[in-house]
Amino acid sequence: MSGCPPGKSSWPELVGTNGESAKATIERENRNVGAIVLRDGTPVTRDFRCDRVWVWVDRNGRVVRTPIIT
């Protein structure tokens, strides 16, 4: 991501996994970000931040989209 500190910015391998486990993995693999687990469809702010990753989950808590820095 332009202007962001170096580090991993996308986690496609986490789609289908447990959201809370995905959050822990993201924060372990890139210590510059905080992951936030949200139910798919929850309204969120549209501003870009180098330190934030949305983790979208279904009603069963499974990741439904690739988590990326947003």
PDB file of N, CA and C in Angstrom:
ATOM      1  N   MET A   1       0.834  -1.173   0.000  1.00  0.00           N
ATOM      2  CA  MET A   1       0.000   0.000   0.000  1.00  0.00           C
ATOM      3  C   MET A   1       0.887   1.246   0.000  1.00  0.00           C
ATOM      4  N   SER A   2       0.590   2.155  -0.839  1.00  0.00           N
ATOM      5  CA  SER A   2       1.385   3.365  -0.965  1.00  0.00           C
ATOM      6  C   SER A   2       1.345   4.191   0.319  1.00  0.00           C
ATOM      7  N   GLY A   3       2.528   4.542   0.817  1.00  0.00           N
ATOM      8  CA  GLY A   3       2.613   5.355   2.013  1.00  0.00           C
ATOM      9  C   GLY A   3       2.491   4.597   3.315  1.00  0.00           C
ATOM     10  N   CYS A   4       2.211   3.327   3.257  1.00  0.00           N
ATOM     11  CA  CYS A   4       2.079   2.512   4.469  1.00  0.00           C
ATOM     12  C   CYS A   4       3.415   1.867   4.816  1.00  0.00           C
ATOM     13  N   PRO A   5       3.619   1.564   6.101  1.00  0.00           N
ATOM     14  CA  PRO A   5       4.847   0.853   6.483  1.00  0.00           C
ATOM     15  C   PRO A   5       4.919  -0.497   5.763  1.00  0.00           C
ATOM     16  N   PRO A   6       6.117  -1.015   5.561  1.00  0.00           N
ATOM     17  CA  PRO A   6       6.234  -2.312   4.900  1.00  0.00           C
ATOM     18  C   PRO A   6       5.583  -3.405   5.739  1.00  0.00           C
ATOM     19  N   GLY A   7       5.156  -4.437   5.054  1.00  0.00           N
ATOM     20  CA  GLY A   7       4.541  -5.576   5.732  1.00  0.00           C
ATOM     21  C   GLY A   7       3.426  -6.144   4.885  1.00  0.00           C
ATOM     22  N   LYS A   8       2.960  -7.288   5.284  1.00  0.00           N
ATOM     23  CA  LYS A   8       1.892  -7.968   4.570  1.00  0.00           C
ATOM     24  C   LYS A   8       0.633  -7.112   4.588  1.00  0.00           C
ATOM     25  N   SER A   9      -0.113  -7.074   3.451  1.00  0.00           N
ATOM     26  CA  SER A   9      -1.296  -6.227   3.368  1.00  0.00           C
ATOM     27  C   SER A   9      -2.556  -6.965   2.923  1.00  0.00           C
ATOM     28  N   SER A  10      -2.436  -8.264   2.607  1.00  0.00           N
ATOM     29  CA  SER A  10      -3.567  -9.040   2.114  1.00  0.00           C
ATOM     30  C   SER A  10      -3.435 -10.486   2.589  1.00  0.00           C
ATOM     31  N   TRP A  11      -4.562 -11.106   2.964  1.00  0.00           N
ATOM     32  CA  TRP A  11      -4.555 -12.458   3.523  1.00  0.00           C
ATOM     33  C   TRP A  11      -5.611 -13.338   2.861  1.00  0.00           C
ATOM     34  N   PRO A  12      -5.470 -13.648   1.563  1.00  0.00           N
ATOM     35  CA  PRO A  12      -6.480 -14.469   0.874  1.00  0.00           C
ATOM     36  C   PRO A  12      -6.583 -15.885   1.450  1.00  0.00           C
ATOM     37  N   GLU A  13      -5.513 -16.359   2.045  1.00  0.00           N
ATOM     38  CA  GLU A  13      -5.516 -17.716   2.600  1.00  0.00           C
ATOM     39  C   GLU A  13      -6.433 -17.865   3.810  1.00  0.00           C
ATOM     40  N   LEU A  14      -6.928 -16.756   4.344  1.00  0.00           N
ATOM     41  CA  LEU A  14      -7.785 -16.814   5.538  1.00  0.00           C
ATOM     42  C   LEU A  14      -9.270 -16.922   5.221  1.00  0.00           C
ATOM     43  N   VAL A  15      -9.652 -16.788   3.955  1.00  0.00           N
ATOM     44  CA  VAL A  15     -11.062 -16.941   3.583  1.00  0.00           C
ATOM     45  C   VAL A  15     -11.509 -18.359   3.952  1.00  0.00           C
ATOM     46  N   GLY A  16     -12.624 -18.443   4.672  1.00  0.00           N
ATOM     47  CA  GLY A  16     -13.162 -19.728   5.102  1.00  0.00           C
ATOM     48  C   GLY A  16     -12.747 -20.132   6.507  1.00  0.00           C
ATOM     49  N   THR A  17     -11.799 -19.393   7.091  1.00  0.00           N
ATOM     50  CA  THR A  17     -11.341 -19.721   8.442  1.00  0.00           C
ATOM     51  C   THR A  17     -12.170 -18.965   9.478  1.00  0.00           C
ATOM     52  N   ASN A  18     -11.983 -19.283  10.737  1.00  0.00           N
ATOM     53  CA  ASN A  18     -12.648 -18.609  11.838  1.00  0.00           C
ATOM     54  C   ASN A  18     -12.173 -17.154  11.914  1.00  0.00           C
ATOM     55  N   GLY A  19     -13.102 -16.215  12.075  1.00  0.00           N
ATOM     56  CA  GLY A  19     -12.776 -14.796  12.088  1.00  0.00           C
ATOM     57  C   GLY A  19     -11.834 -14.379  13.193  1.00  0.00           C
ATOM     58  N   GLU A  20     -12.043 -14.894  14.391  1.00  0.00           N
ATOM     59  CA  GLU A  20     -11.172 -14.519  15.515  1.00  0.00           C
ATOM     60  C   GLU A  20      -9.759 -15.072  15.319  1.00  0.00           C
ATOM     61  N   SER A  21      -9.662 -16.280  14.776  1.00  0.00           N
ATOM     62  CA  SER A  21      -8.339 -16.847  14.465  1.00  0.00           C
ATOM     63  C   SER A  21      -7.661 -16.039  13.367  1.00  0.00           C
ATOM     64  N   ALA A  22      -8.445 -15.611  12.378  1.00  0.00           N
ATOM     65  CA  ALA A  22      -7.909 -14.787  11.291  1.00  0.00           C
ATOM     66  C   ALA A  22      -7.376 -13.472  11.847  1.00  0.00           C
ATOM     67  N   LYS A  23      -8.113 -12.855  12.753  1.00  0.00           N
ATOM     68  CA  LYS A  23      -7.675 -11.611  13.392  1.00  0.00           C
ATOM     69  C   LYS A  23      -6.314 -11.798  14.051  1.00  0.00           C
ATOM     70  N   ALA A  24      -6.157 -12.880  14.815  1.00  0.00           N
ATOM     71  CA  ALA A  24      -4.892 -13.155  15.499  1.00  0.00           C
ATOM     72  C   ALA A  24      -3.755 -13.361  14.496  1.00  0.00           C
ATOM     73  N   THR A  25      -4.032 -14.067  13.412  1.00  0.00           N
ATOM     74  CA  THR A  25      -3.014 -14.318  12.388  1.00  0.00           C
ATOM     75  C   THR A  25      -2.578 -13.009  11.735  1.00  0.00           C
ATOM     76  N   ILE A  26      -3.538 -12.186  11.368  1.00  0.00           N
ATOM     77  CA  ILE A  26      -3.233 -10.899  10.716  1.00  0.00           C
ATOM     78  C   ILE A  26      -2.362 -10.039  11.618  1.00  0.00           C
ATOM     79  N   GLU A  27      -2.751  -9.923  12.876  1.00  0.00           N
ATOM     80  CA  GLU A  27      -2.001  -9.067  13.799  1.00  0.00           C
ATOM     81  C   GLU A  27      -0.624  -9.638  14.133  1.00  0.00           C
ATOM     82  N   ARG A  28      -0.468 -10.937  14.045  1.00  0.00           N
ATOM     83  CA  ARG A  28       0.840 -11.558  14.258  1.00  0.00           C
ATOM     84  C   ARG A  28       1.749 -11.349  13.038  1.00  0.00           C
ATOM     85  N   GLU A  29       1.157 -11.447  11.839  1.00  0.00           N
ATOM     86  CA  GLU A  29       1.946 -11.338  10.608  1.00  0.00           C
ATOM     87  C   GLU A  29       2.272  -9.899  10.219  1.00  0.00           C
ATOM     88  N   ASN A  30       1.484  -8.931  10.708  1.00  0.00           N
ATOM     89  CA  ASN A  30       1.788  -7.521  10.456  1.00  0.00           C
ATOM     90  C   ASN A  30       1.465  -6.753  11.730  1.00  0.00           C
ATOM     91  N   ARG A  31       2.484  -6.474  12.506  1.00  0.00           N
ATOM     92  CA  ARG A  31       2.309  -5.819  13.800  1.00  0.00           C
ATOM     93  C   ARG A  31       1.918  -4.344  13.683  1.00  0.00           C
ATOM     94  N   ASN A  32       1.873  -3.811  12.456  1.00  0.00           N
ATOM     95  CA  ASN A  32       1.476  -2.419  12.232  1.00  0.00           C
ATOM     96  C   ASN A  32      -0.031  -2.242  12.085  1.00  0.00           C
ATOM     97  N   VAL A  33      -0.793  -3.352  12.083  1.00  0.00           N
ATOM     98  CA  VAL A  33      -2.238  -3.253  11.861  1.00  0.00           C
ATOM     99  C   VAL A  33      -3.032  -3.840  13.022  1.00  0.00           C
ATOM    100  N   GLY A  34      -4.261  -3.366  13.113  1.00  0.00           N
ATOM    101  CA  GLY A  34      -5.248  -3.955  14.012  1.00  0.00           C
ATOM    102  C   GLY A  34      -6.363  -4.512  13.153  1.00  0.00           C
ATOM    103  N   ALA A  35      -6.735  -5.752  13.384  1.00  0.00           N
ATOM    104  CA  ALA A  35      -7.814  -6.381  12.625  1.00  0.00           C
ATOM    105  C   ALA A  35      -9.122  -6.241  13.404  1.00  0.00           C
ATOM    106  N   ILE A  36     -10.194  -5.976  12.683  1.00  0.00           N
ATOM    107  CA  ILE A  36     -11.507  -5.798  13.278  1.00  0.00           C
ATOM    108  C   ILE A  36     -12.462  -6.786  12.625  1.00  0.00           C
ATOM    109  N   VAL A  37     -13.042  -7.674  13.425  1.00  0.00           N
ATOM    110  CA  VAL A  37     -13.973  -8.681  12.925  1.00  0.00           C
ATOM    111  C   VAL A  37     -15.371  -8.067  12.872  1.00  0.00           C
ATOM    112  N   LEU A  38     -15.997  -8.157  11.685  1.00  0.00           N
ATOM    113  CA  LEU A  38     -17.333  -7.598  11.465  1.00  0.00           C
ATOM    114  C   LEU A  38     -18.204  -8.567  10.694  1.00  0.00           C
ATOM    115  N   ARG A  39     -19.483  -8.575  11.005  1.00  0.00           N
ATOM    116  CA  ARG A  39     -20.441  -9.374  10.236  1.00  0.00           C
ATOM    117  C   ARG A  39     -20.555  -8.781   8.834  1.00  0.00           C
ATOM    118  N   ASP A  40     -20.532  -9.627   7.807  1.00  0.00           N
ATOM    119  CA  ASP A  40     -20.621  -9.167   6.426  1.00  0.00           C
ATOM    120  C   ASP A  40     -21.861  -8.295   6.248  1.00  0.00           C
ATOM    121  N   GLY A  41     -21.687  -7.120   5.659  1.00  0.00           N
ATOM    122  CA  GLY A  41     -22.783  -6.195   5.427  1.00  0.00           C
ATOM    123  C   GLY A  41     -22.880  -5.079   6.450  1.00  0.00           C
ATOM    124  N   THR A  42     -22.082  -5.151   7.519  1.00  0.00           N
ATOM    125  CA  THR A  42     -22.083  -4.096   8.528  1.00  0.00           C
ATOM    126  C   THR A  42     -21.562  -2.801   7.898  1.00  0.00           C
ATOM    127  N   PRO A  43     -22.249  -1.677   8.096  1.00  0.00           N
ATOM    128  CA  PRO A  43     -21.742  -0.411   7.554  1.00  0.00           C
ATOM    129  C   PRO A  43     -20.431  -0.004   8.243  1.00  0.00           C
ATOM    130  N   VAL A  44     -19.489   0.469   7.451  1.00  0.00           N
ATOM    131  CA  VAL A  44     -18.195   0.915   7.979  1.00  0.00           C
ATOM    132  C   VAL A  44     -17.795   2.222   7.309  1.00  0.00           C
ATOM    133  N   THR A  45     -16.864   2.901   7.928  1.00  0.00           N
ATOM    134  CA  THR A  45     -16.315   4.127   7.352  1.00  0.00           C
ATOM    135  C   THR A  45     -15.533   3.777   6.084  1.00  0.00           C
ATOM    136  N   ARG A  46     -15.473   4.706   5.154  1.00  0.00           N
ATOM    137  CA  ARG A  46     -14.798   4.468   3.871  1.00  0.00           C
ATOM    138  C   ARG A  46     -13.397   5.060   3.809  1.00  0.00           C
ATOM    139  N   ASP A  47     -12.942   5.684   4.895  1.00  0.00           N
ATOM    140  CA  ASP A  47     -11.613   6.279   4.873  1.00  0.00           C
ATOM    141  C   ASP A  47     -10.545   5.185   4.873  1.00  0.00           C
ATOM    142  N   PHE A  48      -9.406   5.488   4.266  1.00  0.00           N
ATOM    143  CA  PHE A  48      -8.309   4.521   4.200  1.00  0.00           C
ATOM    144  C   PHE A  48      -7.362   4.737   5.368  1.00  0.00           C
ATOM    145  N   ARG A  49      -6.992   3.644   6.013  1.00  0.00           N
ATOM    146  CA  ARG A  49      -6.009   3.698   7.112  1.00  0.00           C
ATOM    147  C   ARG A  49      -5.031   2.535   6.962  1.00  0.00           C
ATOM    148  N   CYS A  50      -3.758   2.840   7.066  1.00  0.00           N
ATOM    149  CA  CYS A  50      -2.704   1.827   6.949  1.00  0.00           C
ATOM    150  C   CYS A  50      -2.696   0.844   8.115  1.00  0.00           C
ATOM    151  N   ASP A  51      -3.370   1.181   9.183  1.00  0.00           N
ATOM    152  CA  ASP A  51      -3.298   0.345  10.391  1.00  0.00           C
ATOM    153  C   ASP A  51      -4.579  -0.448  10.658  1.00  0.00           C
ATOM    154  N   ARG A  52      -5.432  -0.600   9.627  1.00  0.00           N
ATOM    155  CA  ARG A  52      -6.715  -1.265   9.841  1.00  0.00           C
ATOM    156  C   ARG A  52      -6.961  -2.347   8.792  1.00  0.00           C
ATOM    157  N   VAL A  53      -7.483  -3.479   9.263  1.00  0.00           N
ATOM    158  CA  VAL A  53      -7.920  -4.562   8.383  1.00  0.00           C
ATOM    159  C   VAL A  53      -9.316  -4.991   8.830  1.00  0.00           C
ATOM    160  N   TRP A  54     -10.288  -4.903   7.925  1.00  0.00           N
ATOM    161  CA  TRP A  54     -11.614  -5.442   8.213  1.00  0.00           C
ATOM    162  C   TRP A  54     -11.571  -6.950   7.963  1.00  0.00           C
ATOM    163  N   VAL A  55     -12.129  -7.717   8.875  1.00  0.00           N
ATOM    164  CA  VAL A  55     -12.252  -9.173   8.708  1.00  0.00           C
ATOM    165  C   VAL A  55     -13.751  -9.458   8.637  1.00  0.00           C
ATOM    166  N   TRP A  56     -14.252  -9.668   7.435  1.00  0.00           N
ATOM    167  CA  TRP A  56     -15.686  -9.874   7.206  1.00  0.00           C
ATOM    168  C   TRP A  56     -16.050 -11.336   7.421  1.00  0.00           C
ATOM    169  N   VAL A  57     -17.028 -11.572   8.295  1.00  0.00           N
ATOM    170  CA  VAL A  57     -17.434 -12.948   8.607  1.00  0.00           C
ATOM    171  C   VAL A  57     -18.929 -13.143   8.351  1.00  0.00           C
ATOM    172  N   ASP A  58     -19.315 -14.410   8.147  1.00  0.00           N
ATOM    173  CA  ASP A  58     -20.720 -14.757   8.001  1.00  0.00           C
ATOM    174  C   ASP A  58     -21.331 -15.027   9.376  1.00  0.00           C
ATOM    175  N   ARG A  59     -22.554 -15.470   9.412  1.00  0.00           N
ATOM    176  CA  ARG A  59     -23.237 -15.683  10.700  1.00  0.00           C
ATOM    177  C   ARG A  59     -22.609 -16.798  11.521  1.00  0.00           C
ATOM    178  N   ASN A  60     -21.792 -17.627  10.878  1.00  0.00           N
ATOM    179  CA  ASN A  60     -21.081 -18.698  11.574  1.00  0.00           C
ATOM    180  C   ASN A  60     -19.683 -18.289  12.015  1.00  0.00           C
ATOM    181  N   GLY A  61     -19.313 -17.029  11.756  1.00  0.00           N
ATOM    182  CA  GLY A  61     -18.003 -16.529  12.160  1.00  0.00           C
ATOM    183  C   GLY A  61     -16.879 -16.895  11.209  1.00  0.00           C
ATOM    184  N   ARG A  62     -17.224 -17.317   9.990  1.00  0.00           N
ATOM    185  CA  ARG A  62     -16.214 -17.685   8.987  1.00  0.00           C
ATOM    186  C   ARG A  62     -15.920 -16.514   8.060  1.00  0.00           C
ATOM    187  N   VAL A  63     -14.655 -16.308   7.754  1.00  0.00           N
ATOM    188  CA  VAL A  63     -14.221 -15.206   6.888  1.00  0.00           C
ATOM    189  C   VAL A  63     -14.785 -15.415   5.473  1.00  0.00           C
ATOM    190  N   VAL A  64     -15.436 -14.375   4.937  1.00  0.00           N
ATOM    191  CA  VAL A  64     -16.091 -14.492   3.626  1.00  0.00           C
ATOM    192  C   VAL A  64     -15.424 -13.670   2.524  1.00  0.00           C
ATOM    193  N   ARG A  65     -14.523 -12.767   2.889  1.00  0.00           N
ATOM    194  CA  ARG A  65     -13.789 -11.951   1.892  1.00  0.00           C
ATOM    195  C   ARG A  65     -12.319 -11.902   2.286  1.00  0.00           C
ATOM    196  N   THR A  66     -11.469 -11.680   1.307  1.00  0.00           N
ATOM    197  CA  THR A  66     -10.046 -11.547   1.586  1.00  0.00           C
ATOM    198  C   THR A  66      -9.811 -10.337   2.481  1.00  0.00           C
ATOM    199  N   PRO A  67      -9.251 -10.537   3.671  1.00  0.00           N
ATOM    200  CA  PRO A  67      -8.898  -9.385   4.524  1.00  0.00           C
ATOM    201  C   PRO A  67      -7.739  -8.601   3.896  1.00  0.00           C
ATOM    202  N   ILE A  68      -7.909  -7.286   3.774  1.00  0.00           N
ATOM    203  CA  ILE A  68      -6.861  -6.418   3.235  1.00  0.00           C
ATOM    204  C   ILE A  68      -6.800  -5.150   4.085  1.00  0.00           C
ATOM    205  N   ILE A  69      -5.660  -4.472   4.022  1.00  0.00           N
ATOM    206  CA  ILE A  69      -5.540  -3.181   4.687  1.00  0.00           C
ATOM    207  C   ILE A  69      -6.501  -2.214   3.990  1.00  0.00           C
ATOM    208  N   THR A  70      -7.335  -1.559   4.795  1.00  0.00           N
ATOM    209  CA  THR A  70      -8.319  -0.614   4.231  1.00  0.00           C
ATOM    210  C   THR A  70      -8.297   0.663   5.003  1.00  0.00           C
TER     211      THR A  70
END
